[in-house]
């Protein structure tokens, strides 16, 4: 059964993705406001395929704030990356710079409002990220980041990337940690049925010292890994 479920998932999701991604790329050039519809629907299609074809139950726990926030999210698999438009209302997401360089898709990503992260460019990269994210902040959009910098195996708890604390300070928004445990079920060739939990932790007020905010966020995003 697991193999049949996965074959159905891969066929349905990736064939559907051709349409949604192509639509988003065309919209980015022809009618930018429509890009949101394609991205939102793609994310919802992925959730539908996970629930109905793979037999995955998605559980969202904790309290999500009503105001704008800076969301720090654990990253264990592709699941949470593509779930961003489903989980949040028109989020702006920090994503690795390589994605913005893909022909067509990169332009669509920028039009959507994602922020390219050049991990090795130091202070100049931080200034560039702030320029990119400022319109999304001014528009009241949720700002999302994977603060450990990359996808990590379930149970791994690497230190926070240095840029997270700098962005926390400069954006002056409450940070909301989001724990995820998608790795064991989703980050594998033959995905399993089961439950994936996304847990919203308590908001952390802006203005804390770097060491304190990093410690609080690190502990909160790893609460499902213990």
C-alpha atoms as a PDB file:
ATOM      1  CA  UNK A   1       0.000   0.000   0.000  1.00  0.00           C
ATOM      2  CA  UNK A   2       2.813   2.455   0.816  1.00  0.00           C
ATOM      3  CA  UNK A   3       4.207   2.104  -2.713  1.00  0.00           C
ATOM      4  CA  UNK A   4       0.822   2.635  -4.359  1.00  0.00           C
ATOM      5  CA  UNK A   5       0.179   5.688  -2.199  1.00  0.00           C
ATOM      6  CA  UNK A   6       3.549   7.190  -3.137  1.00  0.00           C
ATOM      7  CA  UNK A   7       3.172   6.521  -6.836  1.00  0.00           C
ATOM      8  CA  UNK A   8      -0.238   8.200  -6.781  1.00  0.00           C
ATOM      9  CA  UNK A   9       1.225  11.130  -4.826  1.00  0.00           C
ATOM     10  CA  UNK A  10       4.172  11.660  -7.135  1.00  0.00           C
ATOM     11  CA  UNK A  11       2.031  11.473 -10.261  1.00  0.00           C
ATOM     12  CA  UNK A  12      -0.707  13.752  -8.948  1.00  0.00           C
ATOM     13  CA  UNK A  13       1.431  16.324  -7.176  1.00  0.00           C
ATOM     14  CA  UNK A  14       4.222  16.736  -9.714  1.00  0.00           C
ATOM     15  CA  UNK A  15       1.992  16.670 -12.769  1.00  0.00           C
ATOM     16  CA  UNK A  16      -0.200  19.267 -11.075  1.00  0.00           C
ATOM     17  CA  UNK A  17       2.907  21.253 -10.182  1.00  0.00           C
ATOM     18  CA  UNK A  18       3.772  21.673 -13.859  1.00  0.00           C
ATOM     19  CA  UNK A  19       0.536  23.621 -14.328  1.00  0.00           C
ATOM     20  CA  UNK A  20       0.763  25.684 -11.144  1.00  0.00           C
ATOM     21  CA  UNK A  21       4.443  26.609 -11.514  1.00  0.00           C
ATOM     22  CA  UNK A  22       4.087  27.415 -15.209  1.00  0.00           C
ATOM     23  CA  UNK A  23       1.020  29.515 -14.406  1.00  0.00           C
ATOM     24  CA  UNK A  24       2.922  31.395 -11.704  1.00  0.00           C
ATOM     25  CA  UNK A  25       5.857  32.069 -14.039  1.00  0.00           C
ATOM     26  CA  UNK A  26       3.567  33.381 -16.792  1.00  0.00           C
ATOM     27  CA  UNK A  27       1.591  35.481 -14.293  1.00  0.00           C
ATOM     28  CA  UNK A  28       4.814  36.998 -12.958  1.00  0.00           C
ATOM     29  CA  UNK A  29       5.526  38.445 -16.399  1.00  0.00           C
ATOM     30  CA  UNK A  30       2.003  39.105 -17.690  1.00  0.00           C
ATOM     31  CA  UNK A  31      -0.215  39.854 -14.680  1.00  0.00           C
ATOM     32  CA  UNK A  32       1.751  39.868 -11.368  1.00  0.00           C
ATOM     33  CA  UNK A  33      -1.302  40.063  -9.039  1.00  0.00           C
ATOM     34  CA  UNK A  34      -2.416  36.609 -10.258  1.00  0.00           C
ATOM     35  CA  UNK A  35       0.779  34.955  -9.074  1.00  0.00           C
ATOM     36  CA  UNK A  36      -0.646  34.712  -5.571  1.00  0.00           C
ATOM     37  CA  UNK A  37      -3.584  32.602  -6.767  1.00  0.00           C
ATOM     38  CA  UNK A  38      -1.288  30.074  -8.459  1.00  0.00           C
ATOM     39  CA  UNK A  39       1.059  29.826  -5.464  1.00  0.00           C
ATOM     40  CA  UNK A  40      -1.769  29.530  -2.935  1.00  0.00           C
ATOM     41  CA  UNK A  41      -3.496  26.839  -4.993  1.00  0.00           C
ATOM     42  CA  UNK A  42      -0.240  24.919  -5.509  1.00  0.00           C
ATOM     43  CA  UNK A  43       0.339  24.854  -1.755  1.00  0.00           C
ATOM     44  CA  UNK A  44      -3.233  23.717  -1.090  1.00  0.00           C
ATOM     45  CA  UNK A  45      -2.899  21.040  -3.796  1.00  0.00           C
ATOM     46  CA  UNK A  46       0.204  19.714  -2.036  1.00  0.00           C
ATOM     47  CA  UNK A  47      -1.670  19.526   1.272  1.00  0.00           C
ATOM     48  CA  UNK A  48      -4.580  17.719  -0.421  1.00  0.00           C
ATOM     49  CA  UNK A  49      -2.202  15.175  -1.958  1.00  0.00           C
ATOM     50  CA  UNK A  50      -0.480  14.589   1.387  1.00  0.00           C
ATOM     51  CA  UNK A  51      -3.737  14.050   3.225  1.00  0.00           C
ATOM     52  CA  UNK A  52      -5.701  12.095   0.625  1.00  0.00           C
ATOM     53  CA  UNK A  53      -3.008  10.144  -1.224  1.00  0.00           C
ATOM     54  CA  UNK A  54      -0.274   9.629   1.376  1.00  0.00           C
ATOM     55  CA  UNK A  55      -2.611   9.356   4.363  1.00  0.00           C
ATOM     56  CA  UNK A  56      -0.827  12.097   6.313  1.00  0.00           C
ATOM     57  CA  UNK A  57      -2.702  13.938   9.041  1.00  0.00           C
ATOM     58  CA  UNK A  58      -1.570  17.537   9.492  1.00  0.00           C
ATOM     59  CA  UNK A  59      -1.975  18.922  12.997  1.00  0.00           C
ATOM     60  CA  UNK A  60      -1.475  22.615  13.768  1.00  0.00           C
ATOM     61  CA  UNK A  61      -1.155  23.413  17.473  1.00  0.00           C
ATOM     62  CA  UNK A  62      -0.422  26.464  19.601  1.00  0.00           C
ATOM     63  CA  UNK A  63      -1.694  30.006  19.240  1.00  0.00           C
ATOM     64  CA  UNK A  64      -0.968  31.987  16.095  1.00  0.00           C
ATOM     65  CA  UNK A  65      -0.789  35.758  16.750  1.00  0.00           C
ATOM     66  CA  UNK A  66      -3.300  38.014  15.023  1.00  0.00           C
ATOM     67  CA  UNK A  67      -0.798  40.767  14.224  1.00  0.00           C
ATOM     68  CA  UNK A  68       2.242  40.803  11.994  1.00  0.00           C
ATOM     69  CA  UNK A  69       5.157  38.651  13.137  1.00  0.00           C
ATOM     70  CA  UNK A  70       8.550  37.273  12.171  1.00  0.00           C
ATOM     71  CA  UNK A  71       8.165  33.468  12.054  1.00  0.00           C
ATOM     72  CA  UNK A  72      11.204  31.277  12.779  1.00  0.00           C
ATOM     73  CA  UNK A  73      10.453  27.791  11.438  1.00  0.00           C
ATOM     74  CA  UNK A  74      12.162  24.435  11.845  1.00  0.00           C
ATOM     75  CA  UNK A  75      13.076  22.951   8.458  1.00  0.00           C
ATOM     76  CA  UNK A  76      13.169  19.157   8.134  1.00  0.00           C
ATOM     77  CA  UNK A  77      11.749  18.579   4.646  1.00  0.00           C
ATOM     78  CA  UNK A  78      10.222  20.059   1.516  1.00  0.00           C
ATOM     79  CA  UNK A  79       6.850  19.747   3.259  1.00  0.00           C
ATOM     80  CA  UNK A  80       7.047  22.936   5.312  1.00  0.00           C
ATOM     81  CA  UNK A  81       8.690  24.913   2.505  1.00  0.00           C
ATOM     82  CA  UNK A  82       5.795  24.400   0.116  1.00  0.00           C
ATOM     83  CA  UNK A  83       3.244  24.681   2.932  1.00  0.00           C
ATOM     84  CA  UNK A  84       4.069  28.349   3.610  1.00  0.00           C
ATOM     85  CA  UNK A  85       1.242  29.863   1.474  1.00  0.00           C
ATOM     86  CA  UNK A  86      -1.205  27.368   3.028  1.00  0.00           C
ATOM     87  CA  UNK A  87      -0.083  28.012   6.591  1.00  0.00           C
ATOM     88  CA  UNK A  88       0.234  31.803   6.375  1.00  0.00           C
ATOM     89  CA  UNK A  89      -1.629  34.628   4.652  1.00  0.00           C
ATOM     90  CA  UNK A  90       0.621  35.754   1.768  1.00  0.00           C
ATOM     91  CA  UNK A  91       3.978  35.213   3.505  1.00  0.00           C
ATOM     92  CA  UNK A  92       7.322  36.643   2.434  1.00  0.00           C
ATOM     93  CA  UNK A  93       9.892  33.882   2.915  1.00  0.00           C
ATOM     94  CA  UNK A  94      13.674  34.023   3.185  1.00  0.00           C
ATOM     95  CA  UNK A  95      14.962  31.417   0.705  1.00  0.00           C
ATOM     96  CA  UNK A  96      18.395  30.418  -0.540  1.00  0.00           C
ATOM     97  CA  UNK A  97      19.683  32.666  -3.310  1.00  0.00           C
ATOM     98  CA  UNK A  98      20.105  29.757  -5.740  1.00  0.00           C
ATOM     99  CA  UNK A  99      16.307  29.531  -6.124  1.00  0.00           C
ATOM    100  CA  UNK A 100      16.141  33.127  -7.355  1.00  0.00           C
ATOM    101  CA  UNK A 101      18.611  32.265 -10.120  1.00  0.00           C
ATOM    102  CA  UNK A 102      16.433  29.568 -11.741  1.00  0.00           C
ATOM    103  CA  UNK A 103      15.198  30.946 -15.090  1.00  0.00           C
ATOM    104  CA  UNK A 104      11.541  31.943 -14.909  1.00  0.00           C
ATOM    105  CA  UNK A 105      10.972  30.510 -11.443  1.00  0.00           C
ATOM    106  CA  UNK A 106      13.443  32.942  -9.903  1.00  0.00           C
ATOM    107  CA  UNK A 107      11.595  35.914 -11.335  1.00  0.00           C
ATOM    108  CA  UNK A 108       8.277  34.514 -10.094  1.00  0.00           C
ATOM    109  CA  UNK A 109       9.790  34.039  -6.628  1.00  0.00           C
ATOM    110  CA  UNK A 110      10.892  37.673  -6.529  1.00  0.00           C
ATOM    111  CA  UNK A 111       7.514  38.925  -7.757  1.00  0.00           C
ATOM    112  CA  UNK A 112       5.819  36.886  -5.010  1.00  0.00           C
ATOM    113  CA  UNK A 113       8.068  38.672  -2.529  1.00  0.00           C
ATOM    114  CA  UNK A 114      10.496  35.991  -1.378  1.00  0.00           C
ATOM    115  CA  UNK A 115      13.848  37.258  -0.110  1.00  0.00           C
ATOM    116  CA  UNK A 116      17.056  35.778  -1.508  1.00  0.00           C
ATOM    117  CA  UNK A 117      19.579  34.722   1.147  1.00  0.00           C
ATOM    118  CA  UNK A 118      23.222  34.864   0.082  1.00  0.00           C
ATOM    119  CA  UNK A 119      24.718  32.934   2.968  1.00  0.00           C
ATOM    120  CA  UNK A 120      28.375  33.866   2.474  1.00  0.00           C
ATOM    121  CA  UNK A 121      28.114  37.552   1.564  1.00  0.00           C
ATOM    122  CA  UNK A 122      28.235  38.984   5.094  1.00  0.00           C
ATOM    123  CA  UNK A 123      27.033  42.507   5.862  1.00  0.00           C
ATOM    124  CA  UNK A 124      26.299  43.343   2.230  1.00  0.00           C
ATOM    125  CA  UNK A 125      23.893  40.389   2.050  1.00  0.00           C
ATOM    126  CA  UNK A 126      22.110  41.592   5.193  1.00  0.00           C
ATOM    127  CA  UNK A 127      21.636  45.064   3.707  1.00  0.00           C
ATOM    128  CA  UNK A 128      20.309  43.531   0.499  1.00  0.00           C
ATOM    129  CA  UNK A 129      17.883  41.280   2.408  1.00  0.00           C
ATOM    130  CA  UNK A 130      16.586  44.271   4.365  1.00  0.00           C
ATOM    131  CA  UNK A 131      15.943  46.179   1.131  1.00  0.00           C
ATOM    132  CA  UNK A 132      14.048  43.196  -0.266  1.00  0.00           C
ATOM    133  CA  UNK A 133      11.964  42.511   2.835  1.00  0.00           C
ATOM    134  CA  UNK A 134      11.006  46.120   3.619  1.00  0.00           C
ATOM    135  CA  UNK A 135       8.034  46.279   1.169  1.00  0.00           C
ATOM    136  CA  UNK A 136       6.593  43.083   2.698  1.00  0.00           C
ATOM    137  CA  UNK A 137       6.995  44.479   6.221  1.00  0.00           C
ATOM    138  CA  UNK A 138       5.353  47.756   5.197  1.00  0.00           C
ATOM    139  CA  UNK A 139       2.469  45.783   3.651  1.00  0.00           C
ATOM    140  CA  UNK A 140       1.888  43.918   6.928  1.00  0.00           C
ATOM    141  CA  UNK A 141       2.771  40.478   5.501  1.00  0.00           C
ATOM    142  CA  UNK A 142       4.058  37.671   7.741  1.00  0.00           C
ATOM    143  CA  UNK A 143       7.832  37.261   7.411  1.00  0.00           C
ATOM    144  CA  UNK A 144       9.149  33.682   7.522  1.00  0.00           C
ATOM    145  CA  UNK A 145      12.650  32.307   7.927  1.00  0.00           C
ATOM    146  CA  UNK A 146      14.322  28.951   8.550  1.00  0.00           C
ATOM    147  CA  UNK A 147      16.788  30.231  11.175  1.00  0.00           C
ATOM    148  CA  UNK A 148      19.062  27.173  11.167  1.00  0.00           C
ATOM    149  CA  UNK A 149      19.875  28.044   7.570  1.00  0.00           C
ATOM    150  CA  UNK A 150      19.026  24.808   5.812  1.00  0.00           C
ATOM    151  CA  UNK A 151      17.077  21.564   6.036  1.00  0.00           C
ATOM    152  CA  UNK A 152      18.273  19.324   8.868  1.00  0.00           C
ATOM    153  CA  UNK A 153      17.498  15.719   9.865  1.00  0.00           C
ATOM    154  CA  UNK A 154      14.872  15.124  12.529  1.00  0.00           C
ATOM    155  CA  UNK A 155      16.553  15.297  15.931  1.00  0.00           C
ATOM    156  CA  UNK A 156      19.404  17.531  14.763  1.00  0.00           C
ATOM    157  CA  UNK A 157      19.641  20.876  16.561  1.00  0.00           C
ATOM    158  CA  UNK A 158      22.304  22.989  14.819  1.00  0.00           C
ATOM    159  CA  UNK A 159      23.032  26.522  16.052  1.00  0.00           C
ATOM    160  CA  UNK A 160      21.130  29.479  14.668  1.00  0.00           C
ATOM    161  CA  UNK A 161      22.603  31.291  11.685  1.00  0.00           C
ATOM    162  CA  UNK A 162      24.112  34.664  12.561  1.00  0.00           C
ATOM    163  CA  UNK A 163      21.807  36.594  10.243  1.00  0.00           C
ATOM    164  CA  UNK A 164      18.695  35.629  12.186  1.00  0.00           C
ATOM    165  CA  UNK A 165      19.494  37.748  15.238  1.00  0.00           C
ATOM    166  CA  UNK A 166      20.450  40.713  13.051  1.00  0.00           C
ATOM    167  CA  UNK A 167      17.144  40.517  11.170  1.00  0.00           C
ATOM    168  CA  UNK A 168      15.234  40.138  14.450  1.00  0.00           C
ATOM    169  CA  UNK A 169      16.831  43.332  15.716  1.00  0.00           C
ATOM    170  CA  UNK A 170      16.352  45.352  12.538  1.00  0.00           C
ATOM    171  CA  UNK A 171      12.810  44.233  11.689  1.00  0.00           C
ATOM    172  CA  UNK A 172      11.624  45.029  15.231  1.00  0.00           C
ATOM    173  CA  UNK A 173       8.812  42.473  15.049  1.00  0.00           C
ATOM    174  CA  UNK A 174       7.785  39.826  17.580  1.00  0.00           C
ATOM    175  CA  UNK A 175       9.287  36.495  16.594  1.00  0.00           C
ATOM    176  CA  UNK A 176       7.115  33.391  16.688  1.00  0.00           C
ATOM    177  CA  UNK A 177       8.941  30.029  16.737  1.00  0.00           C
ATOM    178  CA  UNK A 178       7.301  27.207  14.770  1.00  0.00           C
ATOM    179  CA  UNK A 179       8.332  23.613  15.518  1.00  0.00           C
ATOM    180  CA  UNK A 180       7.935  20.962  12.804  1.00  0.00           C
ATOM    181  CA  UNK A 181       8.409  17.176  12.846  1.00  0.00           C
ATOM    182  CA  UNK A 182       7.938  16.358   9.145  1.00  0.00           C
ATOM    183  CA  UNK A 183      11.290  14.638   8.633  1.00  0.00           C
ATOM    184  CA  UNK A 184      10.557  11.018   9.635  1.00  0.00           C
ATOM    185  CA  UNK A 185       7.356  10.869   7.573  1.00  0.00           C
ATOM    186  CA  UNK A 186       8.036  13.096   4.583  1.00  0.00           C
ATOM    187  CA  UNK A 187      11.795  13.415   3.970  1.00  0.00           C
ATOM    188  CA  UNK A 188      12.211  10.027   2.325  1.00  0.00           C
ATOM    189  CA  UNK A 189      11.687   8.495  -1.111  1.00  0.00           C
ATOM    190  CA  UNK A 190       8.768   6.355   0.079  1.00  0.00           C
ATOM    191  CA  UNK A 191       6.845   8.738   2.286  1.00  0.00           C
ATOM    192  CA  UNK A 192       4.872   7.306   5.210  1.00  0.00           C
ATOM    193  CA  UNK A 193       1.383   7.891   6.482  1.00  0.00           C
ATOM    194  CA  UNK A 194       1.129   9.366   9.963  1.00  0.00           C
ATOM    195  CA  UNK A 195       0.863  12.778  11.636  1.00  0.00           C
ATOM    196  CA  UNK A 196       2.920  15.876  10.931  1.00  0.00           C
ATOM    197  CA  UNK A 197       2.695  18.534  13.633  1.00  0.00           C
ATOM    198  CA  UNK A 198       3.349  22.239  13.200  1.00  0.00           C
ATOM    199  CA  UNK A 199       3.440  23.903  16.600  1.00  0.00           C
ATOM    200  CA  UNK A 200       3.297  27.670  17.129  1.00  0.00           C
ATOM    201  CA  UNK A 201       5.289  28.667  20.182  1.00  0.00           C
ATOM    202  CA  UNK A 202       4.785  31.710  22.384  1.00  0.00           C
ATOM    203  CA  UNK A 203       5.605  35.047  20.691  1.00  0.00           C
ATOM    204  CA  UNK A 204       8.921  36.566  21.745  1.00  0.00           C
ATOM    205  CA  UNK A 205       8.925  40.344  22.019  1.00  0.00           C
ATOM    206  CA  UNK A 206      11.356  42.434  19.981  1.00  0.00           C
ATOM    207  CA  UNK A 207      14.361  44.035  21.618  1.00  0.00           C
ATOM    208  CA  UNK A 208      15.946  41.106  23.454  1.00  0.00           C
ATOM    209  CA  UNK A 209      19.731  40.583  23.448  1.00  0.00           C
ATOM    210  CA  UNK A 210      21.027  38.247  20.748  1.00  0.00           C
ATOM    211  CA  UNK A 211      21.979  35.392  23.058  1.00  0.00           C
ATOM    212  CA  UNK A 212      18.593  35.437  24.775  1.00  0.00           C
ATOM    213  CA  UNK A 213      16.431  35.470  21.658  1.00  0.00           C
ATOM    214  CA  UNK A 214      18.563  32.816  19.969  1.00  0.00           C
ATOM    215  CA  UNK A 215      18.308  30.540  23.004  1.00  0.00           C
ATOM    216  CA  UNK A 216      14.538  30.950  23.258  1.00  0.00           C
ATOM    217  CA  UNK A 217      13.909  30.385  19.556  1.00  0.00           C
ATOM    218  CA  UNK A 218      16.320  27.450  19.347  1.00  0.00           C
ATOM    219  CA  UNK A 219      14.613  25.703  22.242  1.00  0.00           C
ATOM    220  CA  UNK A 220      11.107  26.376  20.916  1.00  0.00           C
ATOM    221  CA  UNK A 221      11.626  25.216  17.320  1.00  0.00           C
ATOM    222  CA  UNK A 222      13.175  22.005  18.596  1.00  0.00           C
ATOM    223  CA  UNK A 223      10.426  21.131  21.079  1.00  0.00           C
ATOM    224  CA  UNK A 224       9.171  18.309  18.814  1.00  0.00           C
ATOM    225  CA  UNK A 225      12.648  16.796  18.488  1.00  0.00           C
ATOM    226  CA  UNK A 226      13.044  15.625  22.065  1.00  0.00           C
END
